[in-house]
Amino acid sequence: MKNFLIKTEKIRQREGHCGKVRDVLDDERISIDIVDIEEAEEHYHNNSKEYYYILEGKGSVYLDGNKIDVEASDLVVIPPRVRHKAVGRMKVLIIAAPPLSTSDSIITK
């Protein structure tokens, strides 16, 4: 039987190009991460569409160079192949479909 409850506070953080990442769920359809962002590296994904739900904090998200100011409870939708990065102190729930992978994360700078 699969687990129906994931205790996210017990998941170890790792360093990623967006900040400190907790890999909450990664299956064949979606990935879910919780990321503590201060300043992410600009990157894009060829295949994955991402949804950034701002849990805490505020800052800016850059999409193809366009700045969008964000704060807690905002949702940013990032289509595939859109260059993006986040700046500011934020805790973000990131949902991606198809799941994020290192081979689909292209750092642009």
N, C-alpha and C. Protein backbone atom coordinates (compact mmCIF):
# COMPACT_ATOMS: atom_id res chain seq x y z
N MET A 1 0.84 -1.18 0.00
CA MET A 1 0.00 0.00 0.00
C MET A 1 0.89 1.25 0.00
N LYS A 2 0.53 2.22 -0.82
CA LYS A 2 1.29 3.46 -0.89
C LYS A 2 1.03 4.33 0.34
N ASN A 3 2.02 5.20 0.62
CA ASN A 3 1.83 6.17 1.69
C ASN A 3 0.88 7.26 1.23
N PHE A 4 -0.04 7.64 2.10
CA PHE A 4 -0.97 8.71 1.79
C PHE A 4 -0.63 9.98 2.57
N LEU A 5 0.36 9.90 3.44
CA LEU A 5 0.79 11.05 4.22
C LEU A 5 2.30 11.18 4.12
N ILE A 6 2.76 12.36 3.81
CA ILE A 6 4.20 12.63 3.76
C ILE A 6 4.49 13.72 4.77
N LYS A 7 5.35 13.44 5.72
CA LYS A 7 5.76 14.42 6.74
C LYS A 7 6.89 15.25 6.16
N THR A 8 6.54 16.40 5.61
CA THR A 8 7.53 17.20 4.87
C THR A 8 8.64 17.73 5.75
N GLU A 9 8.37 17.99 7.03
CA GLU A 9 9.42 18.52 7.90
C GLU A 9 10.52 17.50 8.18
N LYS A 10 10.25 16.23 7.90
CA LYS A 10 11.25 15.18 8.13
C LYS A 10 12.12 14.92 6.89
N ILE A 11 11.81 15.58 5.78
CA ILE A 11 12.59 15.40 4.55
C ILE A 11 13.84 16.27 4.61
N ARG A 12 14.98 15.68 4.36
CA ARG A 12 16.24 16.43 4.38
C ARG A 12 16.31 17.41 3.23
N GLN A 13 16.87 18.57 3.52
CA GLN A 13 17.08 19.56 2.47
C GLN A 13 18.37 19.27 1.73
N ARG A 14 18.36 19.65 0.44
CA ARG A 14 19.57 19.56 -0.36
C ARG A 14 19.73 20.89 -1.08
N GLU A 15 20.94 21.18 -1.49
CA GLU A 15 21.19 22.40 -2.26
C GLU A 15 20.80 22.17 -3.71
N GLY A 16 20.05 23.10 -4.27
CA GLY A 16 19.66 23.06 -5.67
C GLY A 16 19.94 24.40 -6.32
N HIS A 17 19.70 24.52 -7.61
CA HIS A 17 19.97 25.79 -8.28
C HIS A 17 18.96 26.88 -7.91
N CYS A 18 17.90 26.51 -7.20
CA CYS A 18 16.91 27.50 -6.74
C CYS A 18 17.05 27.81 -5.25
N GLY A 19 17.81 27.01 -4.51
CA GLY A 19 17.95 27.21 -3.07
C GLY A 19 17.97 25.87 -2.36
N LYS A 20 17.50 25.88 -1.13
CA LYS A 20 17.45 24.65 -0.33
C LYS A 20 16.14 23.94 -0.62
N VAL A 21 16.28 22.69 -1.12
CA VAL A 21 15.14 21.96 -1.67
C VAL A 21 14.80 20.75 -0.80
N ARG A 22 13.50 20.58 -0.57
CA ARG A 22 12.98 19.33 -0.01
C ARG A 22 12.20 18.65 -1.12
N ASP A 23 12.65 17.48 -1.53
CA ASP A 23 11.97 16.70 -2.57
C ASP A 23 10.80 15.95 -1.92
N VAL A 24 9.61 16.51 -2.03
CA VAL A 24 8.45 15.97 -1.34
C VAL A 24 7.88 14.76 -2.08
N LEU A 25 7.70 14.89 -3.40
CA LEU A 25 7.09 13.82 -4.17
C LEU A 25 7.64 13.85 -5.59
N ASP A 26 7.94 12.70 -6.10
CA ASP A 26 8.41 12.58 -7.49
C ASP A 26 7.85 11.27 -8.04
N ASP A 27 6.82 11.40 -8.87
CA ASP A 27 6.28 10.19 -9.48
C ASP A 27 6.26 10.36 -10.99
N GLU A 28 5.58 9.49 -11.70
CA GLU A 28 5.62 9.52 -13.16
C GLU A 28 4.87 10.71 -13.76
N ARG A 29 4.02 11.38 -12.98
CA ARG A 29 3.21 12.49 -13.53
C ARG A 29 3.62 13.87 -13.06
N ILE A 30 3.98 14.01 -11.77
CA ILE A 30 4.33 15.31 -11.22
C ILE A 30 5.48 15.20 -10.23
N SER A 31 6.10 16.34 -9.96
CA SER A 31 7.01 16.44 -8.84
C SER A 31 6.54 17.60 -7.97
N ILE A 32 6.75 17.45 -6.66
CA ILE A 32 6.41 18.50 -5.71
C ILE A 32 7.63 18.71 -4.82
N ASP A 33 8.05 19.97 -4.73
CA ASP A 33 9.19 20.35 -3.90
C ASP A 33 8.81 21.54 -3.04
N ILE A 34 9.44 21.64 -1.88
CA ILE A 34 9.37 22.86 -1.07
C ILE A 34 10.77 23.44 -1.09
N VAL A 35 10.87 24.71 -1.51
CA VAL A 35 12.18 25.33 -1.73
C VAL A 35 12.28 26.62 -0.93
N ASP A 36 13.36 26.75 -0.16
CA ASP A 36 13.70 28.01 0.50
C ASP A 36 14.60 28.76 -0.46
N ILE A 37 14.06 29.85 -1.03
CA ILE A 37 14.75 30.62 -2.06
C ILE A 37 15.30 31.90 -1.47
N GLU A 38 16.54 32.23 -1.84
CA GLU A 38 17.06 33.57 -1.61
C GLU A 38 17.39 34.19 -2.95
N GLU A 39 18.18 33.49 -3.74
CA GLU A 39 18.41 33.92 -5.12
C GLU A 39 18.70 32.68 -5.95
N ALA A 40 17.82 32.42 -6.88
CA ALA A 40 17.96 31.25 -7.73
C ALA A 40 18.78 31.59 -8.97
N GLU A 41 19.36 30.56 -9.55
CA GLU A 41 20.05 30.75 -10.84
C GLU A 41 19.00 30.76 -11.95
N GLU A 42 19.22 31.62 -12.94
CA GLU A 42 18.29 31.64 -14.07
C GLU A 42 18.41 30.33 -14.83
N HIS A 43 17.25 29.75 -15.19
CA HIS A 43 17.23 28.47 -15.88
C HIS A 43 15.89 28.31 -16.60
N TYR A 44 15.76 27.23 -17.33
CA TYR A 44 14.48 26.88 -17.95
C TYR A 44 14.40 25.37 -18.05
N HIS A 45 13.21 24.90 -18.39
CA HIS A 45 12.96 23.47 -18.57
C HIS A 45 12.32 23.29 -19.95
N ASN A 46 12.82 22.37 -20.73
CA ASN A 46 12.25 22.11 -22.05
C ASN A 46 10.87 21.47 -21.98
N ASN A 47 10.65 20.64 -20.97
CA ASN A 47 9.42 19.84 -20.93
C ASN A 47 8.47 20.18 -19.79
N SER A 48 8.98 20.58 -18.66
CA SER A 48 8.14 20.75 -17.47
C SER A 48 7.49 22.13 -17.39
N LYS A 49 6.22 22.13 -17.03
CA LYS A 49 5.50 23.34 -16.67
C LYS A 49 5.54 23.40 -15.14
N GLU A 50 5.87 24.57 -14.59
CA GLU A 50 5.99 24.70 -13.15
C GLU A 50 4.95 25.65 -12.58
N TYR A 51 4.57 25.37 -11.35
CA TYR A 51 3.67 26.22 -10.59
C TYR A 51 4.38 26.57 -9.28
N TYR A 52 4.64 27.86 -9.08
CA TYR A 52 5.28 28.34 -7.85
C TYR A 52 4.19 28.92 -6.96
N TYR A 53 3.88 28.26 -5.85
CA TYR A 53 2.94 28.81 -4.88
C TYR A 53 3.77 29.34 -3.72
N ILE A 54 3.68 30.65 -3.47
CA ILE A 54 4.48 31.29 -2.44
C ILE A 54 3.84 31.02 -1.09
N LEU A 55 4.54 30.24 -0.27
CA LEU A 55 4.05 29.89 1.06
C LEU A 55 4.35 30.99 2.08
N GLU A 56 5.57 31.52 2.02
CA GLU A 56 6.02 32.54 2.98
C GLU A 56 6.96 33.50 2.28
N GLY A 57 7.00 34.73 2.78
CA GLY A 57 7.97 35.70 2.31
C GLY A 57 7.48 36.48 1.10
N LYS A 58 8.44 37.22 0.51
CA LYS A 58 8.14 37.99 -0.69
C LYS A 58 9.41 38.20 -1.47
N GLY A 59 9.25 38.56 -2.73
CA GLY A 59 10.39 38.77 -3.60
C GLY A 59 9.92 39.00 -5.01
N SER A 60 10.74 38.59 -5.96
CA SER A 60 10.42 38.77 -7.38
C SER A 60 10.72 37.48 -8.13
N VAL A 61 9.90 37.22 -9.13
CA VAL A 61 10.14 36.14 -10.07
C VAL A 61 10.32 36.78 -11.43
N TYR A 62 11.40 36.39 -12.12
CA TYR A 62 11.68 36.90 -13.46
C TYR A 62 11.32 35.82 -14.47
N LEU A 63 10.46 36.18 -15.42
CA LEU A 63 10.05 35.27 -16.49
C LEU A 63 10.49 35.89 -17.81
N ASP A 64 11.45 35.24 -18.48
CA ASP A 64 12.03 35.79 -19.71
C ASP A 64 12.44 37.24 -19.53
N GLY A 65 13.01 37.56 -18.35
CA GLY A 65 13.51 38.89 -18.07
C GLY A 65 12.50 39.87 -17.51
N ASN A 66 11.23 39.50 -17.49
CA ASN A 66 10.18 40.38 -16.95
C ASN A 66 9.99 40.12 -15.46
N LYS A 67 10.09 41.18 -14.67
CA LYS A 67 10.00 41.08 -13.21
C LYS A 67 8.53 41.07 -12.76
N ILE A 68 8.21 40.10 -11.88
CA ILE A 68 6.90 40.02 -11.26
C ILE A 68 7.11 39.99 -9.75
N ASP A 69 6.57 40.97 -9.03
CA ASP A 69 6.67 40.98 -7.58
C ASP A 69 5.66 40.00 -7.01
N VAL A 70 6.10 39.20 -6.03
CA VAL A 70 5.25 38.16 -5.44
C VAL A 70 5.32 38.21 -3.93
N GLU A 71 4.28 37.66 -3.31
CA GLU A 71 4.23 37.54 -1.85
C GLU A 71 3.43 36.30 -1.50
N ALA A 72 3.36 36.01 -0.20
CA ALA A 72 2.66 34.82 0.26
C ALA A 72 1.25 34.75 -0.31
N SER A 73 0.87 33.59 -0.75
CA SER A 73 -0.41 33.18 -1.34
C SER A 73 -0.52 33.46 -2.83
N ASP A 74 0.54 34.01 -3.46
CA ASP A 74 0.55 34.19 -4.92
C ASP A 74 0.94 32.88 -5.60
N LEU A 75 0.43 32.69 -6.83
CA LEU A 75 0.77 31.54 -7.66
C LEU A 75 1.33 32.05 -8.98
N VAL A 76 2.51 31.56 -9.34
CA VAL A 76 3.14 31.91 -10.61
C VAL A 76 3.16 30.67 -11.48
N VAL A 77 2.67 30.78 -12.70
CA VAL A 77 2.64 29.66 -13.65
C VAL A 77 3.78 29.89 -14.65
N ILE A 78 4.66 28.89 -14.80
CA ILE A 78 5.84 29.00 -15.66
C ILE A 78 5.78 27.92 -16.73
N PRO A 79 5.46 28.30 -17.96
CA PRO A 79 5.40 27.32 -19.05
C PRO A 79 6.80 26.78 -19.40
N PRO A 80 6.85 25.64 -20.09
CA PRO A 80 8.14 25.12 -20.56
C PRO A 80 8.86 26.17 -21.42
N ARG A 81 10.18 26.12 -21.38
CA ARG A 81 11.08 26.95 -22.19
C ARG A 81 11.07 28.43 -21.83
N VAL A 82 10.45 28.81 -20.73
CA VAL A 82 10.50 30.19 -20.25
C VAL A 82 11.64 30.30 -19.24
N ARG A 83 12.60 31.19 -19.54
CA ARG A 83 13.71 31.43 -18.60
C ARG A 83 13.13 32.04 -17.33
N HIS A 84 13.57 31.54 -16.17
CA HIS A 84 13.04 32.06 -14.93
C HIS A 84 14.04 31.96 -13.79
N LYS A 85 13.84 32.85 -12.82
CA LYS A 85 14.58 32.80 -11.57
C LYS A 85 13.78 33.57 -10.54
N ALA A 86 14.01 33.27 -9.27
CA ALA A 86 13.34 33.95 -8.17
C ALA A 86 14.40 34.61 -7.29
N VAL A 87 14.06 35.81 -6.82
CA VAL A 87 14.96 36.59 -5.96
C VAL A 87 14.16 37.07 -4.77
N GLY A 88 14.73 36.94 -3.58
CA GLY A 88 14.06 37.36 -2.35
C GLY A 88 14.03 36.20 -1.38
N ARG A 89 13.59 36.45 -0.19
CA ARG A 89 13.48 35.38 0.81
C ARG A 89 12.07 34.83 0.78
N MET A 90 11.95 33.61 0.25
CA MET A 90 10.64 32.99 0.09
C MET A 90 10.71 31.50 0.34
N LYS A 91 9.63 30.97 0.86
CA LYS A 91 9.43 29.52 0.89
C LYS A 91 8.37 29.25 -0.16
N VAL A 92 8.69 28.36 -1.11
CA VAL A 92 7.83 28.16 -2.27
C VAL A 92 7.52 26.67 -2.44
N LEU A 93 6.25 26.39 -2.68
CA LEU A 93 5.83 25.05 -3.06
C LEU A 93 5.88 25.01 -4.58
N ILE A 94 6.71 24.13 -5.14
CA ILE A 94 6.86 24.05 -6.59
C ILE A 94 6.28 22.71 -7.06
N ILE A 95 5.30 22.82 -7.94
CA ILE A 95 4.69 21.64 -8.55
C ILE A 95 5.05 21.67 -10.03
N ALA A 96 5.50 20.55 -10.56
CA ALA A 96 5.92 20.49 -11.96
C ALA A 96 5.34 19.25 -12.62
N ALA A 97 4.93 19.46 -13.88
CA ALA A 97 4.42 18.36 -14.70
C ALA A 97 4.92 18.54 -16.12
N PRO A 98 5.53 17.53 -16.71
CA PRO A 98 5.99 16.30 -16.06
C PRO A 98 7.02 16.62 -14.98
N PRO A 99 7.41 15.62 -14.19
CA PRO A 99 8.32 15.86 -13.07
C PRO A 99 9.62 16.53 -13.52
N LEU A 100 10.16 17.36 -12.63
CA LEU A 100 11.46 17.98 -12.89
C LEU A 100 12.55 16.91 -12.92
N SER A 101 13.56 17.17 -13.75
CA SER A 101 14.71 16.28 -13.79
C SER A 101 15.95 17.13 -14.04
N THR A 102 17.10 16.64 -13.61
CA THR A 102 18.34 17.40 -13.83
C THR A 102 18.65 17.54 -15.31
N SER A 103 18.27 16.56 -16.12
CA SER A 103 18.55 16.65 -17.55
C SER A 103 17.65 17.67 -18.26
N ASP A 104 16.56 18.07 -17.62
CA ASP A 104 15.64 19.06 -18.21
C ASP A 104 15.79 20.44 -17.57
N SER A 105 16.77 20.61 -16.69
CA SER A 105 17.03 21.91 -16.05
C SER A 105 18.26 22.52 -16.71
N ILE A 106 18.06 23.55 -17.52
CA ILE A 106 19.15 24.18 -18.27
C ILE A 106 19.46 25.52 -17.65
N ILE A 107 20.66 25.64 -17.06
CA ILE A 107 21.12 26.90 -16.45
C ILE A 107 21.54 27.82 -17.60
N THR A 108 21.05 29.07 -17.55
CA THR A 108 21.32 29.99 -18.66
C THR A 108 22.46 30.95 -18.40
N LYS A 109 22.88 31.13 -17.17
CA LYS A 109 23.98 32.07 -16.88
C LYS A 109 24.99 31.44 -15.98
